Amino acid sequence: MSSAPAFLGLALCGLLLVVLGALSLNAMAPLSQIGNHIDSSAIVLIVAGAIIFIIAFYGCCGAVQESSCMLITFAVLLLVIIIVEVIACVLAFMYSSQAQSEVTDGIRTLFEKARQGDDRYASEAVDYFQSKLQCCGADGPSAWGTGPLTLRPSCCGGSSVCTVVNAYPNGCRTAIADFLKTNGKIVGGVAIGVAVVELVGVWFALGLAGAIKKAERGGQRGY
């Protein structure tokens, strides 16, 4: 019974992944305009967190009932999750260049649609990026033109008269790439931390299962 809090702690880690994934998914929602797989990492976090949350309670039940079979099953399932997480990280690293190229092309396409003015969703997304990330144009203010009234108000923090003089100097292609890198580092850091906790959980569960089996062989039920 005293070992149950350890499994509840793992359940909280799973819940943390779900919350982090949901926040990340919400933050990257506008980025769906520039790529089909931008929010993949957030979705993976949510799914992994939910599975860990459920498995942790299974392990907790095994600890409370002093069932070595349930604890070993818990350890195996958790180990499978860790392996899947490692594979996902390797694949993400292998295809990072391809993803970066997709994002770059998507940003330029999005800003071109907004410049033409025939796509309301593209215009809204561009205004969001320019205001949120304090950038202007795909590669700078000059991308919108050089006239005094050619820049979008979002390039100047909502100012009604926006020119190259008072516009944000940085292009959104770089700003969005930096945003994705920062978000990726946060997600990666948390994922590594949770993976360490998962490994400890596997070790703890196997050790506890071994202690229970030893006690059973000795004709004892305490451990």
Foldseek 3Di string as FASTA:
>chain_A
DVCLVLLVVQLVLLVVLLVLLVVLCVVCVLVCQQDVCLSVLSVVSNVLSVVSNVLSVQCSVCLVVVPLVSLLVSLVVLVVSLVVVVVVVVVCVVCVVVVLVSNLVSLLVLLVCVLVPPDPSSVVSQLCLCQVLVAFAQAFPCNQPQDFARGDCSQQNNDNGDHSVRGRGGHSSVSVVVVSVVSVVVSVVSVVVSSVSSVVSSVVSNVSSVVCVVCVVVVHRDD
